[in-house]
C-alpha atoms as a PDB file:
ATOM      1  CA  MET A   1     -14.256  40.509  64.824  1.00  0.00           C
ATOM      2  CA  PRO A   2     -11.040  41.318  67.165  1.00  0.00           C
ATOM      3  CA  ASP A   3     -11.519  43.684  70.393  1.00  0.00           C
ATOM      4  CA  ARG A   4      -8.782  45.887  68.065  1.00  0.00           C
ATOM      5  CA  PRO A   5      -8.400  45.039  64.584  1.00  0.00           C
ATOM      6  CA  PHE A   6      -4.877  45.112  63.190  1.00  0.00           C
ATOM      7  CA  VAL A   7      -5.881  47.099  59.715  1.00  0.00           C
ATOM      8  CA  THR A   8      -8.987  49.484  59.342  1.00  0.00           C
ATOM      9  CA  VAL A   9     -10.141  49.974  55.613  1.00  0.00           C
ATOM     10  CA  VAL A  10     -12.285  52.911  55.337  1.00  0.00           C
ATOM     11  CA  THR A  11     -14.026  52.910  51.964  1.00  0.00           C
ATOM     12  CA  PRO A  12     -15.954  56.296  51.122  1.00  0.00           C
ATOM     13  CA  LEU A  13     -19.135  56.130  49.743  1.00  0.00           C
ATOM     14  CA  TYR A  14     -21.216  58.039  47.753  1.00  0.00           C
ATOM     15  CA  ASN A  15     -24.137  56.470  45.271  1.00  0.00           C
ATOM     16  CA  LYS A  16     -21.832  54.250  44.340  1.00  0.00           C
ATOM     17  CA  ARG A  17     -24.514  51.452  44.257  1.00  0.00           C
ATOM     18  CA  SER A  18     -22.854  49.692  40.994  1.00  0.00           C
ATOM     19  CA  THR A  19     -19.726  49.045  42.212  1.00  0.00           C
ATOM     20  CA  VAL A  20     -19.964  49.141  46.052  1.00  0.00           C
ATOM     21  CA  ALA A  21     -19.938  45.124  46.429  1.00  0.00           C
ATOM     22  CA  ARG A  22     -17.488  44.153  44.002  1.00  0.00           C
ATOM     23  CA  THR A  23     -14.847  46.881  46.497  1.00  0.00           C
ATOM     24  CA  VAL A  24     -16.618  44.899  49.566  1.00  0.00           C
ATOM     25  CA  GLU A  25     -15.590  41.444  48.267  1.00  0.00           C
ATOM     26  CA  SER A  26     -11.862  42.200  46.857  1.00  0.00           C
ATOM     27  CA  ILE A  27     -11.343  42.945  50.362  1.00  0.00           C
ATOM     28  CA  LEU A  28     -13.342  40.631  52.199  1.00  0.00           C
ATOM     29  CA  SER A  29     -11.444  37.845  49.879  1.00  0.00           C
ATOM     30  CA  GLN A  30      -7.843  39.097  51.570  1.00  0.00           C
ATOM     31  CA  THR A  31      -5.089  36.891  51.980  1.00  0.00           C
ATOM     32  CA  PHE A  32      -4.755  38.739  55.679  1.00  0.00           C
ATOM     33  CA  GLY A  33      -7.565  38.948  57.607  1.00  0.00           C
ATOM     34  CA  ASP A  34      -7.101  40.999  60.888  1.00  0.00           C
ATOM     35  CA  PHE A  35      -9.050  43.805  59.300  1.00  0.00           C
ATOM     36  CA  GLU A  36     -12.573  46.108  59.929  1.00  0.00           C
ATOM     37  CA  ALA A  37     -14.014  47.916  56.970  1.00  0.00           C
ATOM     38  CA  LEU A  38     -15.532  50.940  57.238  1.00  0.00           C
ATOM     39  CA  VAL A  39     -18.044  51.974  54.441  1.00  0.00           C
ATOM     40  CA  VAL A  40     -18.594  55.377  55.731  1.00  0.00           C
ATOM     41  CA  ASP A  41     -22.437  56.757  53.459  1.00  0.00           C
ATOM     42  CA  ASP A  42     -21.530  60.288  52.595  1.00  0.00           C
ATOM     43  CA  GLY A  43     -25.327  61.035  52.018  1.00  0.00           C
ATOM     44  CA  SER A  44     -25.796  59.032  49.740  1.00  0.00           C
ATOM     45  CA  THR A  45     -29.674  58.430  47.331  1.00  0.00           C
ATOM     46  CA  ASP A  46     -29.023  55.263  45.609  1.00  0.00           C
ATOM     47  CA  GLY A  47     -29.053  52.803  48.266  1.00  0.00           C
ATOM     48  CA  GLY A  48     -25.456  51.371  47.916  1.00  0.00           C
ATOM     49  CA  ALA A  49     -25.332  51.157  51.612  1.00  0.00           C
ATOM     50  CA  GLU A  50     -28.555  49.277  52.286  1.00  0.00           C
ATOM     51  CA  LEU A  51     -26.841  47.344  49.675  1.00  0.00           C
ATOM     52  CA  VAL A  52     -23.789  47.014  51.883  1.00  0.00           C
ATOM     53  CA  GLU A  53     -26.267  46.015  54.767  1.00  0.00           C
ATOM     54  CA  ALA A  54     -28.274  43.110  53.235  1.00  0.00           C
ATOM     55  CA  ARG A  55     -25.175  41.401  51.151  1.00  0.00           C
ATOM     56  CA  PHE A  56     -22.665  41.283  53.294  1.00  0.00           C
ATOM     57  CA  SER A  57     -23.392  39.255  56.744  1.00  0.00           C
ATOM     58  CA  ASP A  58     -19.668  39.277  57.799  1.00  0.00           C
ATOM     59  CA  SER A  59     -18.965  41.427  61.032  1.00  0.00           C
ATOM     60  CA  ARG A  60     -15.844  42.885  60.146  1.00  0.00           C
ATOM     61  CA  VAL A  61     -17.873  45.204  57.525  1.00  0.00           C
ATOM     62  CA  ARG A  62     -19.361  48.459  59.563  1.00  0.00           C
ATOM     63  CA  VAL A  63     -22.087  50.477  57.697  1.00  0.00           C
ATOM     64  CA  VAL A  64     -21.053  54.414  59.205  1.00  0.00           C
ATOM     65  CA  ARG A  65     -23.430  57.285  58.259  1.00  0.00           C
ATOM     66  CA  GLN A  66     -23.092  61.424  57.827  1.00  0.00           C
ATOM     67  CA  ALA A  67     -24.408  63.908  56.231  1.00  0.00           C
ATOM     68  CA  ASN A  68     -22.923  64.358  52.867  1.00  0.00           C
ATOM     69  CA  ALA A  69     -19.546  66.633  53.479  1.00  0.00           C
ATOM     70  CA  GLY A  70     -17.691  65.513  50.288  1.00  0.00           C
ATOM     71  CA  PRO A  71     -14.806  62.754  50.081  1.00  0.00           C
ATOM     72  CA  GLY A  72     -12.123  64.090  52.660  1.00  0.00           C
ATOM     73  CA  ALA A  73     -14.967  64.663  55.330  1.00  0.00           C
ATOM     74  CA  ALA A  74     -16.292  60.795  54.782  1.00  0.00           C
ATOM     75  CA  LYS A  75     -12.872  59.531  54.606  1.00  0.00           C
ATOM     76  CA  ASN A  76     -11.394  61.736  58.238  1.00  0.00           C
ATOM     77  CA  HIS A  77     -14.653  60.561  59.617  1.00  0.00           C
ATOM     78  CA  GLY A  78     -13.422  56.327  58.783  1.00  0.00           C
ATOM     79  CA  LEU A  79     -10.138  57.504  60.368  1.00  0.00           C
ATOM     80  CA  ALA A  80     -11.525  59.045  63.700  1.00  0.00           C
ATOM     81  CA  LEU A  81     -13.100  56.031  63.605  1.00  0.00           C
ATOM     82  CA  ALA A  82     -10.371  53.323  63.232  1.00  0.00           C
ATOM     83  CA  ARG A  83      -8.945  51.489  65.973  1.00  0.00           C
ATOM     84  CA  GLY A  84      -6.395  49.603  63.922  1.00  0.00           C
ATOM     85  CA  GLU A  85      -2.750  50.778  63.949  1.00  0.00           C
ATOM     86  CA  LEU A  86      -3.147  50.736  60.476  1.00  0.00           C
ATOM     87  CA  VAL A  87      -5.318  52.520  58.025  1.00  0.00           C
ATOM     88  CA  THR A  88      -5.844  52.857  54.303  1.00  0.00           C
ATOM     89  CA  PHE A  89      -8.972  54.289  52.142  1.00  0.00           C
ATOM     90  CA  LEU A  90     -10.151  52.096  48.931  1.00  0.00           C
ATOM     91  CA  ASP A  91     -13.107  54.286  47.615  1.00  0.00           C
ATOM     92  CA  ALA A  92     -16.442  52.347  46.259  1.00  0.00           C
ATOM     93  CA  ASP A  93     -14.939  51.435  42.920  1.00  0.00           C
ATOM     94  CA  ASP A  94     -12.258  50.000  43.056  1.00  0.00           C
ATOM     95  CA  ARG A  95     -10.924  46.587  44.159  1.00  0.00           C
ATOM     96  CA  TRP A  96      -7.741  44.922  45.657  1.00  0.00           C
ATOM     97  CA  ARG A  97      -6.202  41.938  44.349  1.00  0.00           C
ATOM     98  CA  PRO A  98      -6.733  39.489  47.412  1.00  0.00           C
ATOM     99  CA  GLU A  99      -2.660  39.603  48.683  1.00  0.00           C
ATOM    100  CA  LEU A 100      -3.059  44.070  49.273  1.00  0.00           C
ATOM    101  CA  LEU A 101      -3.214  43.269  53.188  1.00  0.00           C
ATOM    102  CA  GLU A 102      -0.586  41.001  53.572  1.00  0.00           C
ATOM    103  CA  ARG A 103       2.386  42.730  52.034  1.00  0.00           C
ATOM    104  CA  ALA A 104       1.060  46.104  53.458  1.00  0.00           C
ATOM    105  CA  THR A 105       1.568  44.490  57.300  1.00  0.00           C
ATOM    106  CA  THR A 106       4.458  42.367  55.997  1.00  0.00           C
ATOM    107  CA  TYR A 107       6.759  45.266  55.066  1.00  0.00           C
ATOM    108  CA  LEU A 108       5.684  47.543  57.258  1.00  0.00           C
ATOM    109  CA  ALA A 109       6.476  45.513  60.289  1.00  0.00           C
ATOM    110  CA  ALA A 110       9.787  44.526  58.751  1.00  0.00           C
ATOM    111  CA  HIS A 111      10.364  47.910  58.422  1.00  0.00           C
ATOM    112  CA  PRO A 112       9.032  50.274  61.083  1.00  0.00           C
ATOM    113  CA  GLU A 113      10.436  53.441  60.176  1.00  0.00           C
ATOM    114  CA  ALA A 114       7.530  53.436  57.087  1.00  0.00           C
ATOM    115  CA  ALA A 115       5.152  55.818  57.527  1.00  0.00           C
ATOM    116  CA  ALA A 116       3.060  53.634  54.384  1.00  0.00           C
ATOM    117  CA  PHE A 117       2.641  51.169  52.152  1.00  0.00           C
ATOM    118  CA  THR A 118       2.345  51.767  48.903  1.00  0.00           C
ATOM    119  CA  SER A 119       2.013  49.545  45.504  1.00  0.00           C
ATOM    120  CA  ALA A 120       1.672  49.827  42.141  1.00  0.00           C
ATOM    121  CA  PHE A 121      -1.395  48.860  40.740  1.00  0.00           C
ATOM    122  CA  TYR A 122      -3.500  48.369  36.931  1.00  0.00           C
ATOM    123  CA  LEU A 123      -5.482  50.997  35.651  1.00  0.00           C
ATOM    124  CA  GLU A 124      -8.836  50.022  34.203  1.00  0.00           C
ATOM    125  CA  PRO A 125     -10.229  49.146  31.648  1.00  0.00           C
ATOM    126  CA  ALA A 126      -7.340  48.829  30.261  1.00  0.00           C
ATOM    127  CA  GLY A 127      -5.549  47.066  32.448  1.00  0.00           C
ATOM    128  CA  THR A 128      -2.219  48.821  32.097  1.00  0.00           C
ATOM    129  CA  ASP A 129       0.540  48.755  34.965  1.00  0.00           C
ATOM    130  CA  ARG A 130       0.155  52.464  36.357  1.00  0.00           C
ATOM    131  CA  TRP A 131       4.018  52.132  37.440  1.00  0.00           C
ATOM    132  CA  ASP A 132       6.016  51.224  34.207  1.00  0.00           C
ATOM    133  CA  PRO A 133       6.313  55.261  33.436  1.00  0.00           C
ATOM    134  CA  LEU A 134       7.546  55.359  37.075  1.00  0.00           C
ATOM    135  CA  ARG A 135       9.859  52.309  37.418  1.00  0.00           C
ATOM    136  CA  ALA A 136      11.218  54.341  34.438  1.00  0.00           C
ATOM    137  CA  ALA A 137      11.962  57.500  36.402  1.00  0.00           C
ATOM    138  CA  GLY A 138      14.044  55.482  38.587  1.00  0.00           C
ATOM    139  CA  PHE A 139      11.359  53.631  41.447  1.00  0.00           C
ATOM    140  CA  SER A 140      13.525  50.734  42.858  1.00  0.00           C
ATOM    141  CA  GLU A 141      11.985  48.102  45.320  1.00  0.00           C
ATOM    142  CA  GLY A 142      11.841  49.136  49.553  1.00  0.00           C
ATOM    143  CA  LEU A 143      12.101  51.901  51.745  1.00  0.00           C
ATOM    144  CA  TRP A 144      12.793  55.129  50.331  1.00  0.00           C
ATOM    145  CA  ARG A 145      12.897  58.849  51.339  1.00  0.00           C
ATOM    146  CA  LEU A 146      12.628  62.290  49.518  1.00  0.00           C
ATOM    147  CA  SER A 147      16.295  63.967  49.775  1.00  0.00           C
ATOM    148  CA  PRO A 148      17.901  66.896  48.530  1.00  0.00           C
ATOM    149  CA  HIS A 149      19.271  64.737  45.886  1.00  0.00           C
ATOM    150  CA  VAL A 150      16.581  63.106  44.270  1.00  0.00           C
ATOM    151  CA  GLY A 151      17.314  62.639  40.515  1.00  0.00           C
ATOM    152  CA  ARG A 152      14.481  64.854  38.229  1.00  0.00           C
ATOM    153  CA  ASP A 153      12.952  62.295  36.421  1.00  0.00           C
ATOM    154  CA  GLU A 154      12.240  60.236  40.514  1.00  0.00           C
ATOM    155  CA  LEU A 155      11.192  63.717  41.595  1.00  0.00           C
ATOM    156  CA  ARG A 156       8.284  64.891  39.044  1.00  0.00           C
ATOM    157  CA  GLU A 157       7.098  61.297  39.669  1.00  0.00           C
ATOM    158  CA  CYS A 158       7.487  60.667  43.651  1.00  0.00           C
ATOM    159  CA  MET A 159       3.605  62.016  44.435  1.00  0.00           C
ATOM    160  CA  ASN A 160       2.547  59.633  41.848  1.00  0.00           C
ATOM    161  CA  ALA A 161       3.648  56.384  44.402  1.00  0.00           C
ATOM    162  CA  PHE A 162       0.851  57.393  46.038  1.00  0.00           C
ATOM    163  CA  HIS A 163      -2.443  56.434  45.663  1.00  0.00           C
ATOM    164  CA  PRO A 164      -5.615  56.091  47.217  1.00  0.00           C
ATOM    165  CA  CYS A 165      -6.591  52.369  46.085  1.00  0.00           C
ATOM    166  CA  THR A 166      -2.783  51.091  47.257  1.00  0.00           C
ATOM    167  CA  ALA A 167      -2.083  52.978  50.447  1.00  0.00           C
ATOM    168  CA  VAL A 168      -1.709  52.027  53.337  1.00  0.00           C
ATOM    169  CA  TYR A 169      -0.671  53.952  56.384  1.00  0.00           C
ATOM    170  CA  ARG A 170       0.591  53.942  60.321  1.00  0.00           C
ATOM    171  CA  ARG A 171      -2.790  55.856  61.806  1.00  0.00           C
ATOM    172  CA  GLU A 172      -0.862  57.837  64.129  1.00  0.00           C
ATOM    173  CA  VAL A 173       0.873  59.669  61.367  1.00  0.00           C
ATOM    174  CA  ALA A 174      -2.474  60.051  59.277  1.00  0.00           C
ATOM    175  CA  ARG A 175      -4.181  61.475  62.179  1.00  0.00           C
ATOM    176  CA  ARG A 176      -0.614  63.441  63.120  1.00  0.00           C
ATOM    177  CA  TYR A 177      -1.211  65.488  59.385  1.00  0.00           C
ATOM    178  CA  GLY A 178      -5.352  66.053  60.127  1.00  0.00           C
ATOM    179  CA  GLY A 179      -6.106  63.689  57.404  1.00  0.00           C
ATOM    180  CA  PHE A 180      -7.454  64.531  54.280  1.00  0.00           C
ATOM    181  CA  TYR A 181      -8.136  68.420  53.046  1.00  0.00           C
ATOM    182  CA  VAL A 182     -12.113  69.136  54.032  1.00  0.00           C
ATOM    183  CA  LYS A 183     -12.183  73.071  53.361  1.00  0.00           C
ATOM    184  CA  GLU A 184     -14.477  74.286  50.744  1.00  0.00           C
ATOM    185  CA  ARG A 185     -15.769  70.622  50.834  1.00  0.00           C
ATOM    186  CA  CYS A 186     -12.693  70.408  48.770  1.00  0.00           C
ATOM    187  CA  THR A 187     -13.328  67.007  46.097  1.00  0.00           C
ATOM    188  CA  LEU A 188      -9.553  66.954  44.181  1.00  0.00           C
ATOM    189  CA  GLY A 189      -6.360  66.926  46.052  1.00  0.00           C
ATOM    190  CA  GLU A 190      -7.458  66.139  49.146  1.00  0.00           C
ATOM    191  CA  ASP A 191      -5.198  63.372  49.449  1.00  0.00           C
ATOM    192  CA  VAL A 192      -1.758  64.592  48.087  1.00  0.00           C
ATOM    193  CA  TYR A 193      -2.114  67.429  50.618  1.00  0.00           C
ATOM    194  CA  LEU A 194      -1.528  64.479  53.129  1.00  0.00           C
ATOM    195  CA  TRP A 195       1.007  62.470  50.847  1.00  0.00           C
ATOM    196  CA  ALA A 196       3.228  65.684  50.295  1.00  0.00           C
ATOM    197  CA  GLN A 197       3.480  66.297  54.394  1.00  0.00           C
ATOM    198  CA  ILE A 198       3.907  62.301  54.773  1.00  0.00           C
ATOM    199  CA  LEU A 199       6.825  62.714  51.995  1.00  0.00           C
ATOM    200  CA  VAL A 200       8.401  65.581  53.208  1.00  0.00           C
ATOM    201  CA  ASN A 201       8.707  63.893  57.252  1.00  0.00           C
ATOM    202  CA  HIS A 202       8.925  60.370  56.400  1.00  0.00           C
ATOM    203  CA  PRO A 203      10.080  57.195  54.471  1.00  0.00           C
ATOM    204  CA  ILE A 204       7.526  54.830  53.058  1.00  0.00           C
ATOM    205  CA  TYR A 205       8.073  51.596  51.870  1.00  0.00           C
ATOM    206  CA  ARG A 206       7.089  51.393  47.747  1.00  0.00           C
ATOM    207  CA  HIS A 207       6.040  47.774  45.981  1.00  0.00           C
ATOM    208  CA  LEU A 208       6.309  47.598  42.786  1.00  0.00           C
ATOM    209  CA  GLU A 209       3.777  44.529  41.946  1.00  0.00           C
ATOM    210  CA  PRO A 210       0.633  45.731  41.245  1.00  0.00           C
ATOM    211  CA  LEU A 211      -2.096  45.146  44.129  1.00  0.00           C
ATOM    212  CA  ALA A 212      -4.772  47.611  42.931  1.00  0.00           C
ATOM    213  CA  HIS A 213      -7.191  48.116  40.156  1.00  0.00           C
ATOM    214  CA  TYR A 214      -7.950  51.624  39.459  1.00  0.00           C
ATOM    215  CA  HIS A 215     -11.397  51.580  37.938  1.00  0.00           C
ATOM    216  CA  MET A 216     -11.725  55.386  36.052  1.00  0.00           C
ATOM    217  CA  GLU A 217     -14.259  54.281  34.260  1.00  0.00           C
ATOM    218  CA  ASP A 218     -16.480  54.099  37.459  1.00  0.00           C
ATOM    219  CA  SER A 219     -14.386  57.428  38.534  1.00  0.00           C
ATOM    220  CA  GLU A 220     -16.618  60.175  38.801  1.00  0.00           C
ATOM    221  CA  LEU A 221     -14.153  62.406  41.067  1.00  0.00           C
ATOM    222  CA  GLY A 222     -10.335  61.542  39.579  1.00  0.00           C
ATOM    223  CA  ILE A 223      -9.210  63.836  36.444  1.00  0.00           C
ATOM    224  CA  GLY A 224      -9.835  61.638  33.766  1.00  0.00           C
ATOM    225  CA  GLY A 225     -13.714  61.048  34.915  1.00  0.00           C
ATOM    226  CA  ARG A 226     -14.924  64.656  35.337  1.00  0.00           C
ATOM    227  CA  ARG A 227     -16.873  66.625  32.846  1.00  0.00           C
ATOM    228  CA  GLY A 228     -15.669  69.944  32.632  1.00  0.00           C
ATOM    229  CA  GLU A 229     -13.722  72.983  34.995  1.00  0.00           C
ATOM    230  CA  LEU A 230     -10.905  71.437  37.349  1.00  0.00           C
ATOM    231  CA  PRO A 231     -11.068  73.268  40.161  1.00  0.00           C
ATOM    232  CA  LEU A 232      -7.474  74.081  41.805  1.00  0.00           C
ATOM    233  CA  GLU A 233      -6.008  71.743  43.888  1.00  0.00           C
ATOM    234  CA  PRO A 234      -5.214  72.819  47.924  1.00  0.00           C
ATOM    235  CA  VAL A 235      -1.462  71.888  47.634  1.00  0.00           C
ATOM    236  CA  PHE A 236      -1.920  74.902  45.242  1.00  0.00           C
ATOM    237  CA  THR A 237      -4.383  77.209  46.955  1.00  0.00           C
ATOM    238  CA  ASP A 238      -3.168  76.495  50.427  1.00  0.00           C
ATOM    239  CA  PRO A 239       0.669  75.421  49.948  1.00  0.00           C
ATOM    240  CA  GLU A 240       1.550  77.349  54.092  1.00  0.00           C
ATOM    241  CA  PRO A 241       0.694  74.404  55.973  1.00  0.00           C
ATOM    242  CA  VAL A 242       2.498  72.027  53.946  1.00  0.00           C
ATOM    243  CA  ARG A 243       5.438  74.532  53.573  1.00  0.00           C
ATOM    244  CA  ALA A 244       5.290  74.969  57.282  1.00  0.00           C
ATOM    245  CA  VAL A 245       5.922  71.312  58.518  1.00  0.00           C
ATOM    246  CA  CYS A 246       8.312  70.685  55.453  1.00  0.00           C
ATOM    247  CA  PRO A 247      11.979  70.050  57.147  1.00  0.00           C
ATOM    248  CA  PRO A 248      14.403  72.897  56.201  1.00  0.00           C
ATOM    249  CA  LEU A 249      16.662  71.143  54.252  1.00  0.00           C
ATOM    250  CA  LEU A 250      13.903  70.114  51.809  1.00  0.00           C
ATOM    251  CA  ARG A 251      12.227  72.770  51.710  1.00  0.00           C
ATOM    252  CA  ARG A 252      14.382  73.758  48.381  1.00  0.00           C
ATOM    253  CA  THR A 253      13.556  69.862  46.832  1.00  0.00           C
ATOM    254  CA  PHE A 254       9.425  70.587  47.844  1.00  0.00           C
ATOM    255  CA  GLU A 255       9.126  73.906  45.869  1.00  0.00           C
ATOM    256  CA  LEU A 256      10.760  72.438  42.702  1.00  0.00           C
ATOM    257  CA  TRP A 257       7.951  69.242  43.323  1.00  0.00           C
ATOM    258  CA  LEU A 258       5.668  71.715  43.750  1.00  0.00           C
ATOM    259  CA  ALA A 259       6.534  73.936  40.287  1.00  0.00           C
ATOM    260  CA  GLU A 260       6.084  71.004  38.572  1.00  0.00           C
ATOM    261  CA  HIS A 261       3.137  69.653  39.748  1.00  0.00           C
ATOM    262  CA  ALA A 262       2.017  73.454  39.141  1.00  0.00           C
ATOM    263  CA  ILE A 263       3.175  73.008  35.417  1.00  0.00           C
ATOM    264  CA  THR A 264       1.635  69.811  35.214  1.00  0.00           C
ATOM    265  CA  ALA A 265      -2.277  71.027  36.504  1.00  0.00           C
ATOM    266  CA  ALA A 266      -1.329  74.340  34.502  1.00  0.00           C
ATOM    267  CA  PHE A 267      -1.050  71.943  31.551  1.00  0.00           C
ATOM    268  CA  LEU A 268      -4.783  70.447  32.143  1.00  0.00           C
ATOM    269  CA  GLN A 269      -6.436  73.528  32.988  1.00  0.00           C
ATOM    270  CA  LEU A 270      -5.503  74.872  29.260  1.00  0.00           C
ATOM    271  CA  GLU A 271      -7.079  71.233  28.115  1.00  0.00           C
ATOM    272  CA  ARG A 272     -10.185  72.279  30.173  1.00  0.00           C
ATOM    273  CA  GLY A 273     -10.506  75.591  28.858  1.00  0.00           C
ATOM    274  CA  SER A 274      -9.327  77.427  31.872  1.00  0.00           C
ATOM    275  CA  PRO A 275      -6.575  79.229  30.807  1.00  0.00           C
ATOM    276  CA  GLU A 276      -7.367  81.970  34.028  1.00  0.00           C
ATOM    277  CA  LYS A 277      -6.267  79.344  35.910  1.00  0.00           C
ATOM    278  CA  ALA A 278      -3.075  78.038  34.053  1.00  0.00           C
ATOM    279  CA  ALA A 279      -1.888  81.940  34.033  1.00  0.00           C
ATOM    280  CA  TRP A 280      -3.130  82.035  38.277  1.00  0.00           C
ATOM    281  CA  LEU A 281      -0.219  79.041  38.648  1.00  0.00           C
ATOM    282  CA  VAL A 282       2.340  80.507  36.403  1.00  0.00           C
ATOM    283  CA  ARG A 283       1.584  84.085  38.625  1.00  0.00           C
ATOM    284  CA  ARG A 284       1.606  81.947  42.410  1.00  0.00           C
ATOM    285  CA  PHE A 285       4.960  79.410  41.335  1.00  0.00           C
ATOM    286  CA  PRO A 286       7.380  81.192  39.460  1.00  0.00           C
ATOM    287  CA  THR A 287       9.591  78.552  40.622  1.00  0.00           C
ATOM    288  CA  MET A 288       8.477  76.791  37.492  1.00  0.00           C
ATOM    289  CA  THR A 289      11.420  78.386  35.366  1.00  0.00           C
ATOM    290  CA  ALA A 290      13.368  75.748  37.349  1.00  0.00           C
ATOM    291  CA  TRP A 291      12.126  73.288  35.016  1.00  0.00           C
ATOM    292  CA  PRO A 292      13.101  74.884  31.729  1.00  0.00           C
ATOM    293  CA  ALA A 293      11.558  72.304  29.417  1.00  0.00           C
ATOM    294  CA  ASP A 294       8.043  72.175  30.666  1.00  0.00           C
ATOM    295  CA  TYR A 295       8.051  75.344  31.785  1.00  0.00           C
ATOM    296  CA  LEU A 296       8.993  76.621  28.296  1.00  0.00           C
ATOM    297  CA  LYS A 297       6.342  74.487  26.195  1.00  0.00           C
ATOM    298  CA  LEU A 298       3.757  75.465  28.888  1.00  0.00           C
ATOM    299  CA  ARG A 299       4.416  79.218  27.891  1.00  0.00           C
ATOM    300  CA  ALA A 300       4.164  78.728  23.960  1.00  0.00           C
ATOM    301  CA  ARG A 301       1.330  76.501  24.774  1.00  0.00           C
ATOM    302  CA  MET A 302      -0.297  79.927  26.477  1.00  0.00           C
ATOM    303  CA  ALA A 303       0.925  82.173  23.750  1.00  0.00           C
ATOM    304  CA  SER A 304      -0.409  80.464  21.007  1.00  0.00           C
ATOM    305  CA  PRO A 305      -3.236  77.757  21.579  1.00  0.00           C
ATOM    306  CA  GLY A 306      -3.870  77.273  18.149  1.00  0.00           C
ATOM    307  CA  LEU A 307      -0.452  76.453  17.147  1.00  0.00           C
ATOM    308  CA  TRP A 308      -0.262  74.095  19.386  1.00  0.00           C
ATOM    309  CA  ARG A 309      -3.682  72.295  18.692  1.00  0.00           C
ATOM    310  CA  LEU A 310      -2.056  71.951  15.411  1.00  0.00           C
ATOM    311  CA  LEU A 311       1.222  70.275  16.579  1.00  0.00           C
ATOM    312  CA  LYS A 312      -0.952  68.309  18.371  1.00  0.00           C
ATOM    313  CA  ARG A 313      -2.873  67.331  15.584  1.00  0.00           C
ATOM    314  CA  ILE A 314       0.293  66.460  13.189  1.00  0.00           C
ATOM    315  CA  ALA A 315       2.216  64.680  15.941  1.00  0.00           C
ATOM    316  CA  ARG A 316      -1.023  62.484  15.711  1.00  0.00           C
ATOM    317  CA  ARG A 317      -0.645  61.505  12.209  1.00  0.00           C
END
């Protein structure tokens, strides 16, 4: 292993023995090989870390252990240890296509102003391209930077360009903003908190070809894999640090995105049976009214939940 690998790959691991080997294999299958792979075991109890140590003898793979502290803390542990100029985070139930690191390093070298690279990916087990609606919203290949003139459709979707399975960061940029949110053992939206700070301050490179597989069927912390109530994301409960680093020119744009994101979150809270959290979001983010169609749908859903369910049943017929 080189003294200073060009890329550090961090895989947070918590009780993913059944899938972690698939993840590590996809890392070792990369066409770009100048990397170190840190598997950060977050206090697993199923023997996943031991499986990695027994199965993979490649010197680029190293298991690091910590007491259970949550996904953000595991990622930040890896970020603190990272020696690569670039750093990326691949969850222990997802996998890359072989070209991901090669594409990321190539495009970031060609665009030194870009703080991060990100690409399309497949949602599994269906195998659908998650970026199909993003392309329809205006996403195009190449360098992109948030501006006050961004279209509403693209603004609505802009944060969805980032995903843990494809985002590759310049290490110092990720460190500059403190990495991932860890307060109160955050388990939802810890990554969005970092992405928001990057998007309001830096250009990124968006690649339209899918280069990873996000396995929703194996995800327990993602929205699709969770059961019961959803916590509120820290970008809602603790937005001031993000606002503080937002340039004045983009403050209105950021507030518009935040309001639309809050509308989406409020709908999810209603679906999960938490109308009080939805109401809190409406009170906390009055800029929701800048998205009148979405806002009116939300208020109608909150005012008449029975009628809403009836209309949804009719629409499905």
